Amino acid sequence: MASPFSTYSKEELLKKFKNQKIFISIQSIVVLLMIIFGVFSTLEKGVSFHTFLPLFFIPMLFVMIYEMKKIKKELLSRT
């Protein structure tokens, strides 16, 4: 089965890889802030929506990391 990135040129893959790296960094910071806010919110008010909010965003972070690894693998296969 062909990779979904096999239709991209090398320049497009490099650009997508750089963008993905930036998005992962930003989302990691946001998830970390949500975890910190959730802990403080739980300590102050007890269990609420803010306690579980990071649980909805962490899987998206893992999907983005997995996609970045696939892009990197495609780039390495072309060199």
N, C-alpha and C. Protein backbone atom coordinates (compact mmCIF):
# COMPACT_ATOMS: atom_id res chain seq x y z
N MET A 1 0.84 -1.18 0.00
CA MET A 1 0.00 0.00 0.00
C MET A 1 0.89 1.24 0.00
N ALA A 2 0.57 2.17 -0.85
CA ALA A 2 1.37 3.38 -0.98
C ALA A 2 1.08 4.34 0.16
N SER A 3 2.09 5.09 0.51
CA SER A 3 1.96 6.08 1.56
C SER A 3 1.11 7.25 1.05
N PRO A 4 0.30 7.86 1.93
CA PRO A 4 -0.48 9.02 1.48
C PRO A 4 0.41 10.21 1.13
N PHE A 5 1.66 10.16 1.56
CA PHE A 5 2.59 11.25 1.27
C PHE A 5 3.42 10.99 0.03
N SER A 6 3.20 9.89 -0.65
CA SER A 6 4.01 9.56 -1.81
C SER A 6 3.73 10.48 -3.00
N THR A 7 2.60 11.16 -2.99
CA THR A 7 2.27 12.06 -4.09
C THR A 7 2.88 13.45 -3.91
N TYR A 8 3.41 13.73 -2.73
CA TYR A 8 4.01 15.03 -2.45
C TYR A 8 5.44 15.08 -2.99
N SER A 9 5.86 16.27 -3.38
CA SER A 9 7.26 16.45 -3.75
C SER A 9 8.10 16.57 -2.48
N LYS A 10 9.41 16.50 -2.65
CA LYS A 10 10.29 16.55 -1.48
C LYS A 10 10.18 17.91 -0.78
N GLU A 11 10.06 18.98 -1.55
CA GLU A 11 9.93 20.31 -0.96
C GLU A 11 8.63 20.43 -0.17
N GLU A 12 7.56 19.88 -0.73
CA GLU A 12 6.27 19.92 -0.02
C GLU A 12 6.34 19.11 1.27
N LEU A 13 7.02 17.98 1.22
CA LEU A 13 7.17 17.17 2.44
C LEU A 13 7.98 17.89 3.50
N LEU A 14 9.05 18.57 3.08
CA LEU A 14 9.86 19.32 4.04
C LEU A 14 9.05 20.43 4.69
N LYS A 15 8.26 21.12 3.86
CA LYS A 15 7.42 22.20 4.38
C LYS A 15 6.37 21.64 5.35
N LYS A 16 5.75 20.53 4.98
CA LYS A 16 4.74 19.90 5.83
C LYS A 16 5.38 19.41 7.13
N PHE A 17 6.59 18.89 7.06
CA PHE A 17 7.30 18.41 8.24
C PHE A 17 7.59 19.56 9.20
N LYS A 18 8.06 20.68 8.67
CA LYS A 18 8.35 21.84 9.51
C LYS A 18 7.07 22.38 10.16
N ASN A 19 6.00 22.46 9.38
CA ASN A 19 4.72 22.93 9.93
C ASN A 19 4.21 21.99 11.01
N GLN A 20 4.33 20.69 10.76
CA GLN A 20 3.87 19.70 11.73
C GLN A 20 4.65 19.82 13.03
N LYS A 21 5.95 20.07 12.91
CA LYS A 21 6.79 20.22 14.10
C LYS A 21 6.36 21.44 14.92
N ILE A 22 6.05 22.53 14.24
CA ILE A 22 5.59 23.74 14.91
C ILE A 22 4.25 23.51 15.59
N PHE A 23 3.32 22.85 14.88
CA PHE A 23 1.99 22.59 15.45
C PHE A 23 2.08 21.66 16.66
N ILE A 24 2.97 20.68 16.60
CA ILE A 24 3.14 19.78 17.74
C ILE A 24 3.67 20.54 18.94
N SER A 25 4.61 21.44 18.71
CA SER A 25 5.15 22.24 19.81
C SER A 25 4.06 23.10 20.45
N ILE A 26 3.29 23.76 19.63
CA ILE A 26 2.23 24.63 20.13
C ILE A 26 1.18 23.81 20.89
N GLN A 27 0.76 22.68 20.31
CA GLN A 27 -0.26 21.88 20.97
C GLN A 27 0.27 21.26 22.26
N SER A 28 1.55 20.92 22.30
CA SER A 28 2.13 20.39 23.53
C SER A 28 2.08 21.41 24.65
N ILE A 29 2.40 22.66 24.32
CA ILE A 29 2.35 23.73 25.31
C ILE A 29 0.91 23.95 25.79
N VAL A 30 -0.03 23.93 24.87
CA VAL A 30 -1.43 24.14 25.23
C VAL A 30 -1.93 23.01 26.13
N VAL A 31 -1.58 21.76 25.78
CA VAL A 31 -2.01 20.62 26.60
C VAL A 31 -1.38 20.70 27.99
N LEU A 32 -0.11 21.08 28.06
CA LEU A 32 0.55 21.22 29.34
C LEU A 32 -0.14 22.30 30.20
N LEU A 33 -0.48 23.41 29.59
CA LEU A 33 -1.19 24.46 30.31
C LEU A 33 -2.57 24.00 30.77
N MET A 34 -3.25 23.20 29.92
CA MET A 34 -4.56 22.68 30.32
C MET A 34 -4.43 21.71 31.49
N ILE A 35 -3.37 20.91 31.50
CA ILE A 35 -3.15 19.99 32.61
C ILE A 35 -2.90 20.76 33.90
N ILE A 36 -2.05 21.78 33.82
CA ILE A 36 -1.76 22.60 35.01
C ILE A 36 -3.02 23.30 35.50
N PHE A 37 -3.77 23.89 34.57
CA PHE A 37 -5.02 24.55 34.94
C PHE A 37 -6.01 23.55 35.52
N GLY A 38 -6.08 22.35 34.96
CA GLY A 38 -6.99 21.32 35.45
C GLY A 38 -6.65 20.88 36.86
N VAL A 39 -5.35 20.76 37.14
CA VAL A 39 -4.93 20.36 38.50
C VAL A 39 -5.31 21.45 39.50
N PHE A 40 -5.00 22.69 39.17
CA PHE A 40 -5.34 23.78 40.09
C PHE A 40 -6.86 23.93 40.25
N SER A 41 -7.58 23.77 39.16
CA SER A 41 -9.04 23.86 39.22
C SER A 41 -9.61 22.74 40.08
N THR A 42 -9.05 21.55 39.96
CA THR A 42 -9.52 20.42 40.76
C THR A 42 -9.22 20.64 42.24
N LEU A 43 -8.06 21.19 42.54
CA LEU A 43 -7.71 21.45 43.93
C LEU A 43 -8.60 22.52 44.54
N GLU A 44 -8.96 23.52 43.75
CA GLU A 44 -9.78 24.63 44.25
C GLU A 44 -11.26 24.26 44.36
N LYS A 45 -11.82 23.70 43.26
CA LYS A 45 -13.27 23.53 43.18
C LYS A 45 -13.71 22.07 43.17
N GLY A 46 -12.77 21.14 43.10
CA GLY A 46 -13.13 19.73 42.98
C GLY A 46 -13.18 19.33 41.51
N VAL A 47 -13.63 18.13 41.27
CA VAL A 47 -13.68 17.58 39.91
C VAL A 47 -14.72 18.34 39.09
N SER A 48 -14.28 18.80 37.90
CA SER A 48 -15.16 19.52 37.01
C SER A 48 -14.77 19.21 35.56
N PHE A 49 -15.34 19.93 34.64
CA PHE A 49 -15.04 19.77 33.23
C PHE A 49 -13.57 20.02 32.94
N HIS A 50 -12.98 20.98 33.62
CA HIS A 50 -11.58 21.33 33.39
C HIS A 50 -10.62 20.21 33.78
N THR A 51 -11.06 19.33 34.66
CA THR A 51 -10.23 18.22 35.07
C THR A 51 -9.99 17.26 33.91
N PHE A 52 -11.01 17.03 33.10
CA PHE A 52 -10.94 16.05 32.02
C PHE A 52 -10.67 16.65 30.65
N LEU A 53 -10.61 17.95 30.54
CA LEU A 53 -10.39 18.61 29.25
C LEU A 53 -9.11 18.16 28.55
N PRO A 54 -7.98 18.02 29.22
CA PRO A 54 -6.77 17.57 28.52
C PRO A 54 -6.90 16.17 27.92
N LEU A 55 -7.75 15.34 28.49
CA LEU A 55 -7.93 13.99 27.97
C LEU A 55 -8.49 13.97 26.55
N PHE A 56 -9.16 15.03 26.14
CA PHE A 56 -9.70 15.11 24.79
C PHE A 56 -8.65 15.57 23.78
N PHE A 57 -7.63 16.27 24.24
CA PHE A 57 -6.63 16.83 23.34
C PHE A 57 -5.35 15.99 23.26
N ILE A 58 -5.07 15.18 24.24
CA ILE A 58 -3.87 14.36 24.22
C ILE A 58 -3.87 13.37 23.05
N PRO A 59 -4.99 12.69 22.74
CA PRO A 59 -4.96 11.79 21.57
C PRO A 59 -4.65 12.51 20.26
N MET A 60 -5.14 13.74 20.11
CA MET A 60 -4.82 14.50 18.90
C MET A 60 -3.33 14.77 18.80
N LEU A 61 -2.69 15.00 19.93
CA LEU A 61 -1.25 15.23 19.96
C LEU A 61 -0.52 13.97 19.49
N PHE A 62 -0.96 12.81 19.97
CA PHE A 62 -0.32 11.56 19.57
C PHE A 62 -0.51 11.27 18.08
N VAL A 63 -1.67 11.62 17.54
CA VAL A 63 -1.91 11.44 16.11
C VAL A 63 -0.99 12.35 15.30
N MET A 64 -0.80 13.56 15.77
CA MET A 64 0.09 14.49 15.06
C MET A 64 1.53 13.99 15.10
N ILE A 65 1.95 13.44 16.22
CA ILE A 65 3.31 12.90 16.33
C ILE A 65 3.47 11.70 15.40
N TYR A 66 2.47 10.84 15.34
CA TYR A 66 2.52 9.68 14.46
C TYR A 66 2.59 10.11 13.00
N GLU A 67 1.83 11.13 12.62
CA GLU A 67 1.85 11.63 11.25
C GLU A 67 3.22 12.24 10.93
N MET A 68 3.82 12.93 11.89
CA MET A 68 5.14 13.51 11.66
C MET A 68 6.17 12.39 11.44
N LYS A 69 6.05 11.30 12.17
CA LYS A 69 6.96 10.18 11.97
C LYS A 69 6.80 9.57 10.59
N LYS A 70 5.56 9.51 10.09
CA LYS A 70 5.33 8.98 8.74
C LYS A 70 5.93 9.90 7.68
N ILE A 71 5.83 11.20 7.90
CA ILE A 71 6.43 12.16 6.97
C ILE A 71 7.94 12.01 6.96
N LYS A 72 8.52 11.88 8.15
CA LYS A 72 9.97 11.71 8.26
C LYS A 72 10.41 10.42 7.59
N LYS A 73 9.66 9.36 7.74
CA LYS A 73 9.99 8.08 7.11
C LYS A 73 9.94 8.22 5.59
N GLU A 74 8.96 8.93 5.08
CA GLU A 74 8.85 9.15 3.63
C GLU A 74 10.03 9.98 3.13
N LEU A 75 10.42 10.99 3.91
CA LEU A 75 11.57 11.81 3.51
C LEU A 75 12.86 10.98 3.49
N LEU A 76 13.03 10.14 4.48
CA LEU A 76 14.23 9.29 4.52
C LEU A 76 14.25 8.27 3.39
N SER A 77 13.10 7.81 2.97
CA SER A 77 13.07 6.83 1.89
C SER A 77 13.40 7.46 0.54
N ARG A 78 13.28 8.77 0.45
CA ARG A 78 13.58 9.45 -0.82
C ARG A 78 15.04 9.86 -0.95
N THR A 79 15.79 9.85 0.11
CA THR A 79 17.19 10.28 0.02
C THR A 79 18.11 9.12 -0.23
